[in-house]
N, C-alpha and C. Protein backbone atom coordinates (compact mmCIF):
# COMPACT_ATOMS: atom_id res chain seq x y z
N UNK A 1 92.94 82.00 100.35
CA UNK A 1 92.76 83.35 100.87
C UNK A 1 93.38 83.48 102.26
N UNK A 2 93.06 82.54 103.14
CA UNK A 2 93.61 82.57 104.50
C UNK A 2 95.13 82.40 104.46
N UNK A 3 95.60 81.54 103.55
CA UNK A 3 97.04 81.32 103.43
C UNK A 3 97.76 82.60 103.02
N UNK A 4 97.19 83.37 102.11
CA UNK A 4 97.82 84.61 101.66
C UNK A 4 97.88 85.64 102.79
N UNK A 5 96.82 85.72 103.57
CA UNK A 5 96.82 86.64 104.71
C UNK A 5 97.85 86.21 105.74
N UNK A 6 97.91 84.92 105.99
CA UNK A 6 98.89 84.38 106.95
C UNK A 6 100.31 84.66 106.48
N UNK A 7 100.61 84.42 105.21
CA UNK A 7 101.96 84.66 104.68
C UNK A 7 102.30 86.16 104.71
N UNK A 8 101.33 87.00 104.45
CA UNK A 8 101.57 88.44 104.51
C UNK A 8 101.95 88.86 105.92
N UNK A 9 101.27 88.31 106.91
CA UNK A 9 101.59 88.61 108.31
C UNK A 9 102.97 88.10 108.67
N UNK A 10 103.31 86.91 108.24
CA UNK A 10 104.64 86.34 108.52
C UNK A 10 105.74 87.20 107.90
N UNK A 11 105.57 87.58 106.65
CA UNK A 11 106.57 88.40 105.97
C UNK A 11 106.66 89.78 106.62
N UNK A 12 105.53 90.35 107.02
CA UNK A 12 105.54 91.65 107.70
C UNK A 12 106.29 91.55 109.04
N UNK A 13 106.09 90.46 109.77
CA UNK A 13 106.83 90.27 111.02
C UNK A 13 108.33 90.14 110.76
N UNK A 14 108.69 89.47 109.70
CA UNK A 14 110.11 89.35 109.36
C UNK A 14 110.70 90.71 109.06
N UNK A 15 110.01 91.50 108.25
CA UNK A 15 110.50 92.84 107.91
C UNK A 15 110.63 93.70 109.15
N UNK A 16 109.63 93.63 110.02
CA UNK A 16 109.67 94.42 111.25
C UNK A 16 110.85 94.00 112.13
N UNK A 17 111.14 92.70 112.19
CA UNK A 17 112.26 92.25 113.02
C UNK A 17 113.59 92.75 112.45
N UNK A 18 113.75 92.75 111.13
CA UNK A 18 114.97 93.31 110.53
C UNK A 18 115.06 94.81 110.78
N UNK A 19 113.95 95.49 110.66
CA UNK A 19 113.90 96.94 110.89
C UNK A 19 114.28 97.28 112.33
N UNK A 20 113.71 96.55 113.28
CA UNK A 20 114.01 96.78 114.70
C UNK A 20 115.47 96.46 115.02
N UNK A 21 115.97 95.37 114.46
CA UNK A 21 117.38 95.01 114.67
C UNK A 21 118.30 96.12 114.16
N UNK A 22 117.96 96.69 113.01
CA UNK A 22 118.76 97.77 112.44
C UNK A 22 118.72 99.00 113.33
N UNK A 23 117.54 99.38 113.78
CA UNK A 23 117.41 100.56 114.66
C UNK A 23 118.22 100.38 115.94
N UNK A 24 118.13 99.22 116.54
CA UNK A 24 118.88 98.95 117.78
C UNK A 24 120.38 98.98 117.50
N UNK A 25 120.81 98.38 116.38
CA UNK A 25 122.23 98.36 116.04
C UNK A 25 122.80 99.75 115.81
N UNK A 26 122.05 100.61 115.11
CA UNK A 26 122.52 101.96 114.85
C UNK A 26 122.52 102.79 116.14
N UNK A 27 121.51 102.60 116.98
CA UNK A 27 121.45 103.30 118.28
C UNK A 27 122.64 102.90 119.15
N UNK A 28 122.92 101.61 119.24
CA UNK A 28 124.05 101.15 120.05
C UNK A 28 125.37 101.66 119.50
N UNK A 29 125.49 101.74 118.19
CA UNK A 29 126.71 102.26 117.57
C UNK A 29 126.92 103.73 117.95
N UNK A 30 125.86 104.53 117.89
CA UNK A 30 125.97 105.95 118.27
C UNK A 30 126.35 106.10 119.74
N UNK A 31 125.78 105.25 120.60
CA UNK A 31 126.11 105.32 122.03
C UNK A 31 127.55 104.90 122.29
N UNK A 32 128.01 103.84 121.63
CA UNK A 32 129.40 103.42 121.79
C UNK A 32 130.37 104.49 121.28
N UNK A 33 130.02 105.10 120.15
CA UNK A 33 130.89 106.12 119.56
C UNK A 33 131.01 107.35 120.45
N UNK A 34 129.90 107.80 121.05
CA UNK A 34 129.98 108.98 121.92
C UNK A 34 130.72 108.65 123.22
N UNK A 35 130.59 107.44 123.69
CA UNK A 35 131.33 107.05 124.90
C UNK A 35 132.84 107.09 124.62
N UNK A 36 133.25 106.57 123.46
CA UNK A 36 134.67 106.61 123.10
C UNK A 36 135.11 108.05 122.88
N UNK A 37 134.28 108.86 122.22
CA UNK A 37 134.62 110.27 121.98
C UNK A 37 134.83 111.02 123.28
N UNK A 38 134.00 110.75 124.28
CA UNK A 38 134.14 111.45 125.57
C UNK A 38 135.41 111.01 126.30
N UNK A 39 135.85 109.79 126.08
CA UNK A 39 137.08 109.31 126.72
C UNK A 39 138.33 109.80 126.01
N UNK A 40 138.27 109.90 124.68
CA UNK A 40 139.46 110.31 123.92
C UNK A 40 139.75 111.79 124.05
N UNK A 41 138.72 112.59 124.25
CA UNK A 41 138.94 114.02 124.44
C UNK A 41 139.65 114.67 123.28
N UNK A 42 140.78 115.34 123.55
CA UNK A 42 141.49 116.08 122.51
C UNK A 42 142.66 115.29 121.91
N UNK A 43 142.57 113.97 121.93
CA UNK A 43 143.57 113.12 121.30
C UNK A 43 143.58 113.38 119.79
N UNK A 44 144.76 113.44 119.19
CA UNK A 44 144.87 113.78 117.77
C UNK A 44 144.11 112.80 116.87
N UNK A 45 144.10 111.53 117.22
CA UNK A 45 143.45 110.53 116.37
C UNK A 45 142.03 110.19 116.82
N UNK A 46 141.40 111.08 117.61
CA UNK A 46 140.07 110.80 118.16
C UNK A 46 139.04 110.50 117.07
N UNK A 47 138.96 111.35 116.06
CA UNK A 47 137.95 111.14 115.02
C UNK A 47 138.20 109.83 114.28
N UNK A 48 139.45 109.53 113.98
CA UNK A 48 139.77 108.27 113.30
C UNK A 48 139.31 107.07 114.14
N UNK A 49 139.62 107.11 115.44
CA UNK A 49 139.24 105.98 116.30
C UNK A 49 137.73 105.84 116.42
N UNK A 50 137.01 106.97 116.42
CA UNK A 50 135.54 106.92 116.47
C UNK A 50 135.00 106.29 115.19
N UNK A 51 135.52 106.70 114.05
CA UNK A 51 135.08 106.13 112.77
C UNK A 51 135.42 104.64 112.69
N UNK A 52 136.56 104.27 113.21
CA UNK A 52 136.96 102.87 113.24
C UNK A 52 136.00 102.05 114.11
N UNK A 53 135.58 102.62 115.24
CA UNK A 53 134.61 101.94 116.11
C UNK A 53 133.26 101.78 115.41
N UNK A 54 132.82 102.81 114.70
CA UNK A 54 131.55 102.71 113.96
C UNK A 54 131.64 101.59 112.94
N UNK A 55 132.75 101.49 112.24
CA UNK A 55 132.94 100.41 111.27
C UNK A 55 132.86 99.04 111.94
N UNK A 56 133.44 98.92 113.13
CA UNK A 56 133.45 97.65 113.84
C UNK A 56 132.05 97.32 114.38
N UNK A 57 131.34 98.32 114.90
CA UNK A 57 130.04 98.09 115.52
C UNK A 57 128.94 97.74 114.52
N UNK A 58 129.00 98.29 113.34
CA UNK A 58 127.99 97.96 112.33
C UNK A 58 128.38 96.62 111.73
N UNK A 59 127.74 95.57 112.23
CA UNK A 59 128.06 94.22 111.77
C UNK A 59 126.76 93.50 111.42
N UNK A 60 126.89 92.29 110.91
CA UNK A 60 125.73 91.53 110.44
C UNK A 60 124.62 91.52 111.49
N UNK A 61 123.40 91.68 111.08
CA UNK A 61 122.86 91.71 109.72
C UNK A 61 122.91 93.09 109.07
N UNK A 62 123.49 94.10 109.74
CA UNK A 62 123.60 95.42 109.13
C UNK A 62 124.73 95.42 108.11
N UNK A 63 124.69 96.37 107.19
CA UNK A 63 125.66 96.45 106.11
C UNK A 63 126.44 97.76 106.24
N UNK A 64 127.75 97.67 106.40
CA UNK A 64 128.60 98.86 106.55
C UNK A 64 128.43 99.83 105.38
N UNK A 65 128.19 99.31 104.19
CA UNK A 65 128.04 100.16 103.00
C UNK A 65 126.81 101.06 103.10
N UNK A 66 125.90 100.77 103.99
CA UNK A 66 124.67 101.56 104.14
C UNK A 66 124.85 102.74 105.12
N UNK A 67 126.02 102.85 105.75
CA UNK A 67 126.28 104.02 106.60
C UNK A 67 126.39 105.22 105.67
N UNK A 68 125.62 106.25 105.94
CA UNK A 68 125.65 107.46 105.11
C UNK A 68 126.69 108.42 105.64
N UNK A 69 126.63 108.70 106.95
CA UNK A 69 127.57 109.67 107.53
C UNK A 69 127.70 109.47 109.03
N UNK A 70 128.77 110.05 109.57
CA UNK A 70 129.01 110.09 111.01
C UNK A 70 129.39 111.53 111.33
N UNK A 71 128.69 112.12 112.30
CA UNK A 71 128.97 113.49 112.71
C UNK A 71 129.42 113.49 114.17
N UNK A 72 130.49 114.20 114.45
CA UNK A 72 131.00 114.38 115.81
C UNK A 72 130.87 115.87 116.08
N UNK A 73 130.10 116.24 117.09
CA UNK A 73 129.81 117.66 117.27
C UNK A 73 129.88 118.09 118.73
N UNK A 74 130.16 119.38 118.91
CA UNK A 74 130.15 120.01 120.22
C UNK A 74 128.73 120.51 120.45
N UNK A 75 128.23 120.33 121.67
CA UNK A 75 126.85 120.70 121.96
C UNK A 75 126.72 121.22 123.37
N UNK A 76 125.51 121.60 123.73
CA UNK A 76 125.25 121.96 125.12
C UNK A 76 124.87 120.68 125.87
N UNK A 77 124.55 120.81 127.15
CA UNK A 77 124.27 119.63 127.98
C UNK A 77 123.05 118.84 127.51
N UNK A 78 122.17 119.47 126.74
CA UNK A 78 120.95 118.81 126.30
C UNK A 78 121.03 118.30 124.87
N UNK A 79 122.12 118.58 124.19
CA UNK A 79 122.28 118.13 122.82
C UNK A 79 121.46 118.92 121.82
N UNK A 80 121.03 120.12 122.20
CA UNK A 80 120.14 120.89 121.33
C UNK A 80 120.86 121.87 120.41
N UNK A 81 122.09 122.21 120.71
CA UNK A 81 122.82 123.19 119.89
C UNK A 81 124.04 122.54 119.27
N UNK A 82 124.24 122.81 117.99
CA UNK A 82 125.43 122.36 117.30
C UNK A 82 126.42 123.52 117.33
N UNK A 83 127.48 123.38 118.12
CA UNK A 83 128.46 124.46 118.28
C UNK A 83 129.74 124.19 117.49
N UNK A 84 129.66 123.37 116.51
CA UNK A 84 130.80 122.98 115.69
C UNK A 84 130.76 121.48 115.46
N UNK A 85 131.14 121.04 114.25
CA UNK A 85 131.06 119.61 113.97
C UNK A 85 132.14 119.17 113.01
N UNK A 86 132.44 117.89 113.09
CA UNK A 86 133.24 117.20 112.09
C UNK A 86 132.31 116.16 111.48
N UNK A 87 132.00 116.31 110.20
CA UNK A 87 131.10 115.38 109.53
C UNK A 87 131.88 114.57 108.51
N UNK A 88 131.65 113.27 108.52
CA UNK A 88 132.34 112.35 107.62
C UNK A 88 131.30 111.56 106.84
N UNK A 89 131.47 111.51 105.52
CA UNK A 89 130.58 110.71 104.69
C UNK A 89 131.32 109.45 104.29
N UNK A 90 130.58 108.35 104.26
CA UNK A 90 131.21 107.05 104.00
C UNK A 90 131.26 106.75 102.51
N UNK A 91 132.36 106.14 102.12
CA UNK A 91 132.48 105.62 100.78
C UNK A 91 132.95 106.60 99.73
N UNK A 92 133.23 107.82 100.10
CA UNK A 92 133.63 108.81 99.10
C UNK A 92 135.12 109.11 99.13
N UNK A 93 135.87 108.41 99.94
CA UNK A 93 137.31 108.65 100.05
C UNK A 93 137.86 107.85 101.21
N UNK A 94 139.08 108.16 101.60
CA UNK A 94 139.70 107.50 102.75
C UNK A 94 140.21 108.53 103.72
N UNK A 95 139.91 108.31 104.99
CA UNK A 95 140.37 109.21 106.05
C UNK A 95 141.52 108.52 106.78
N UNK A 96 142.72 109.10 106.76
CA UNK A 96 143.87 108.46 107.41
C UNK A 96 143.94 108.79 108.90
N UNK A 97 144.55 107.89 109.64
CA UNK A 97 144.84 108.13 111.05
C UNK A 97 145.94 109.19 111.12
N UNK A 98 145.70 110.32 111.81
CA UNK A 98 146.72 111.38 111.87
C UNK A 98 148.03 110.94 112.52
N UNK A 99 147.98 109.91 113.36
CA UNK A 99 149.21 109.47 114.02
C UNK A 99 149.87 108.28 113.32
N UNK A 100 149.19 107.67 112.34
CA UNK A 100 149.75 106.55 111.58
C UNK A 100 149.05 106.51 110.23
N UNK A 101 149.63 107.17 109.23
CA UNK A 101 148.94 107.35 107.95
C UNK A 101 148.74 106.05 107.16
N UNK A 102 149.32 104.95 107.64
CA UNK A 102 149.09 103.68 106.96
C UNK A 102 147.71 103.12 107.29
N UNK A 103 147.08 103.59 108.37
CA UNK A 103 145.74 103.15 108.74
C UNK A 103 144.72 104.11 108.14
N UNK A 104 143.67 103.54 107.52
CA UNK A 104 142.64 104.37 106.89
C UNK A 104 141.28 103.76 107.12
N UNK A 105 140.26 104.63 107.11
CA UNK A 105 138.87 104.19 107.15
C UNK A 105 138.16 104.79 105.94
N UNK A 106 137.10 104.15 105.43
CA UNK A 106 136.47 104.62 104.19
C UNK A 106 135.52 105.81 104.38
N UNK A 107 136.04 106.91 104.88
CA UNK A 107 135.25 108.12 105.10
C UNK A 107 136.01 109.31 104.56
N UNK A 108 135.26 110.33 104.21
CA UNK A 108 135.86 111.59 103.78
C UNK A 108 135.25 112.71 104.59
N UNK A 109 136.09 113.63 105.04
CA UNK A 109 135.62 114.77 105.83
C UNK A 109 134.88 115.74 104.92
N UNK A 110 133.63 116.08 105.31
CA UNK A 110 132.87 117.06 104.52
C UNK A 110 132.69 118.37 105.28
N UNK A 111 132.76 118.32 106.59
CA UNK A 111 132.70 119.53 107.43
C UNK A 111 133.73 119.35 108.53
N UNK A 112 134.49 120.41 108.81
CA UNK A 112 135.53 120.28 109.84
C UNK A 112 135.60 121.58 110.64
N UNK A 113 134.70 121.71 111.63
CA UNK A 113 134.69 122.91 112.48
C UNK A 113 134.84 122.57 113.97
N UNK A 114 135.17 121.32 114.29
CA UNK A 114 135.36 120.92 115.70
C UNK A 114 136.58 120.01 115.77
N UNK A 115 137.73 120.59 115.53
CA UNK A 115 138.98 119.84 115.50
C UNK A 115 139.24 119.17 116.85
N UNK A 116 139.72 117.92 116.84
CA UNK A 116 140.00 117.24 118.11
C UNK A 116 140.93 118.02 119.04
N UNK A 117 141.86 118.78 118.50
CA UNK A 117 142.80 119.52 119.35
C UNK A 117 142.11 120.64 120.13
N UNK A 118 140.93 121.08 119.70
CA UNK A 118 140.22 122.17 120.39
C UNK A 118 139.21 121.66 121.42
N UNK A 119 139.08 120.36 121.55
CA UNK A 119 138.10 119.80 122.49
C UNK A 119 138.60 119.94 123.92
N UNK A 120 137.72 120.44 124.77
CA UNK A 120 138.10 120.70 126.17
C UNK A 120 137.75 119.49 127.03
N UNK A 121 138.76 118.95 127.69
CA UNK A 121 138.55 117.86 128.62
C UNK A 121 139.38 118.02 129.89
N UNK A 122 139.69 119.27 130.24
CA UNK A 122 140.47 119.58 131.44
C UNK A 122 139.55 120.27 132.43
N UNK A 123 139.54 119.81 133.66
CA UNK A 123 138.64 120.33 134.68
C UNK A 123 138.82 121.83 134.89
N UNK A 124 140.06 122.30 134.90
CA UNK A 124 140.34 123.71 135.19
C UNK A 124 139.72 124.65 134.16
N UNK A 125 139.65 124.23 132.89
CA UNK A 125 139.11 125.10 131.84
C UNK A 125 137.68 124.75 131.47
N UNK A 126 137.12 123.75 132.10
CA UNK A 126 135.77 123.30 131.76
C UNK A 126 135.83 122.19 130.72
N UNK A 127 134.78 121.41 130.66
CA UNK A 127 134.75 120.30 129.70
C UNK A 127 133.60 120.48 128.72
N UNK A 128 133.81 119.99 127.52
CA UNK A 128 132.80 120.06 126.47
C UNK A 128 131.77 118.94 126.63
N UNK A 129 130.63 119.17 126.04
CA UNK A 129 129.67 118.10 125.80
C UNK A 129 129.84 117.73 124.33
N UNK A 130 129.94 116.44 124.08
CA UNK A 130 130.19 115.97 122.73
C UNK A 130 129.07 115.04 122.30
N UNK A 131 128.74 115.09 121.03
CA UNK A 131 127.69 114.23 120.49
C UNK A 131 128.15 113.53 119.23
N UNK A 132 127.51 112.41 118.94
CA UNK A 132 127.79 111.67 117.72
C UNK A 132 126.45 111.32 117.07
N UNK A 133 126.36 111.56 115.78
CA UNK A 133 125.17 111.19 115.01
C UNK A 133 125.60 110.20 113.94
N UNK A 134 124.92 109.06 113.90
CA UNK A 134 125.17 108.05 112.88
C UNK A 134 123.94 108.00 111.98
N UNK A 135 124.13 108.18 110.69
CA UNK A 135 123.04 108.12 109.72
C UNK A 135 123.22 106.85 108.89
N UNK A 136 122.15 106.05 108.83
CA UNK A 136 122.19 104.74 108.17
C UNK A 136 120.99 104.61 107.25
N UNK A 137 121.20 104.16 106.02
CA UNK A 137 120.12 103.98 105.05
C UNK A 137 119.70 102.51 105.04
N UNK A 138 118.50 102.25 105.54
CA UNK A 138 117.95 100.89 105.58
C UNK A 138 117.17 100.63 104.29
N UNK A 139 117.37 99.47 103.69
CA UNK A 139 116.58 99.09 102.52
C UNK A 139 115.72 97.89 102.89
N UNK A 140 114.54 97.85 102.32
CA UNK A 140 113.59 96.77 102.63
C UNK A 140 114.19 95.42 102.24
N UNK A 141 113.94 94.41 103.08
CA UNK A 141 114.42 93.06 102.83
C UNK A 141 113.36 92.28 102.05
N UNK A 142 112.12 92.47 102.41
CA UNK A 142 111.00 91.74 101.80
C UNK A 142 110.26 92.65 100.82
N UNK A 143 109.45 92.09 99.94
CA UNK A 143 108.74 92.92 98.96
C UNK A 143 107.50 93.63 99.51
N UNK A 144 107.02 93.27 100.69
CA UNK A 144 105.77 93.84 101.21
C UNK A 144 105.83 95.37 101.34
N UNK A 145 106.84 95.96 102.00
CA UNK A 145 106.85 97.43 102.13
C UNK A 145 106.90 98.14 100.78
N UNK A 146 107.57 97.54 99.80
CA UNK A 146 107.62 98.15 98.47
C UNK A 146 106.23 98.23 97.85
N UNK A 147 105.44 97.22 98.08
CA UNK A 147 104.09 97.21 97.52
C UNK A 147 103.19 98.20 98.25
N UNK A 148 103.31 98.25 99.57
CA UNK A 148 102.45 99.11 100.38
C UNK A 148 102.79 100.58 100.17
N UNK A 149 104.07 100.92 100.14
CA UNK A 149 104.47 102.33 100.06
C UNK A 149 104.71 102.80 98.62
N UNK A 150 104.28 102.01 97.65
CA UNK A 150 104.35 102.39 96.25
C UNK A 150 105.75 102.76 95.77
N UNK A 151 106.69 101.86 96.01
CA UNK A 151 108.02 102.04 95.46
C UNK A 151 109.07 102.60 96.40
N UNK A 152 108.75 102.83 97.64
CA UNK A 152 109.75 103.32 98.58
C UNK A 152 110.87 102.30 98.70
N UNK A 153 112.10 102.75 98.78
CA UNK A 153 113.23 101.82 98.85
C UNK A 153 113.68 101.52 100.27
N UNK A 154 113.20 102.26 101.25
CA UNK A 154 113.62 102.00 102.62
C UNK A 154 113.43 103.19 103.52
N UNK A 155 114.20 103.20 104.61
CA UNK A 155 114.12 104.26 105.61
C UNK A 155 115.53 104.72 105.96
N UNK A 156 115.63 105.94 106.45
CA UNK A 156 116.91 106.46 106.92
C UNK A 156 116.83 106.59 108.44
N UNK A 157 117.77 105.96 109.12
CA UNK A 157 117.86 106.08 110.57
C UNK A 157 118.92 107.12 110.91
N UNK A 158 118.56 108.09 111.75
CA UNK A 158 119.50 109.10 112.22
C UNK A 158 119.48 109.00 113.73
N UNK A 159 120.50 108.37 114.29
CA UNK A 159 120.57 108.14 115.72
C UNK A 159 121.69 108.97 116.32
N UNK A 160 121.40 109.64 117.42
CA UNK A 160 122.41 110.48 118.06
C UNK A 160 122.52 110.15 119.53
N UNK A 161 123.65 110.53 120.08
CA UNK A 161 123.90 110.35 121.50
C UNK A 161 124.83 111.47 121.95
N UNK A 162 124.65 111.94 123.18
CA UNK A 162 125.45 113.05 123.72
C UNK A 162 126.03 112.63 125.06
N UNK A 163 127.25 113.08 125.34
CA UNK A 163 127.90 112.78 126.60
C UNK A 163 128.82 113.94 126.99
N UNK A 164 129.11 114.03 128.25
CA UNK A 164 130.07 115.01 128.76
C UNK A 164 131.45 114.39 128.62
N UNK A 165 132.42 115.20 128.22
CA UNK A 165 133.79 114.71 128.11
C UNK A 165 134.27 114.20 129.47
N UNK A 166 135.04 113.15 129.45
CA UNK A 166 135.64 112.64 130.67
C UNK A 166 136.76 113.60 131.08
N UNK A 167 136.64 114.24 132.24
CA UNK A 167 137.65 115.24 132.61
C UNK A 167 138.96 114.61 133.05
N UNK A 168 140.05 115.29 132.72
CA UNK A 168 141.36 114.90 133.24
C UNK A 168 141.84 116.04 134.14
N UNK A 169 142.67 115.73 135.07
CA UNK A 169 143.16 116.74 136.03
C UNK A 169 144.31 117.51 135.46
């Protein structure tokens, strides 16, 4: 009896550590992506480079195939308003680099209302606030959560980050 309780606690701690590692990884990915987005500004290949960074940042123990979508959006200073977005879903197609079509990432554009060429990063005209949302589907590693939640397969992490565009003169 004591052994079963002890093993349940050990397995629960393992699951929690995987869950926390995933949350931190997805949060860091969203922060890295928005930092790159704010630096790239209105570069033609900005969205491609952001998606490429997300692919690079999601590494073991996380699984790239579990990325659901990446959204790049224009917002206010607080990140509360979506004033246009480019949303990409993973695994449903290939998104080519606009400046080098031989490079591709496994994403397909599903919404395109914030084209990189329209992003403001010039001091004289004002600068945009840009945000990135990374959605990741986590699946349970151990059998304990499946038993407790009666068949749940996992959790969805939706992590966002907002930054002001880096102004150029």
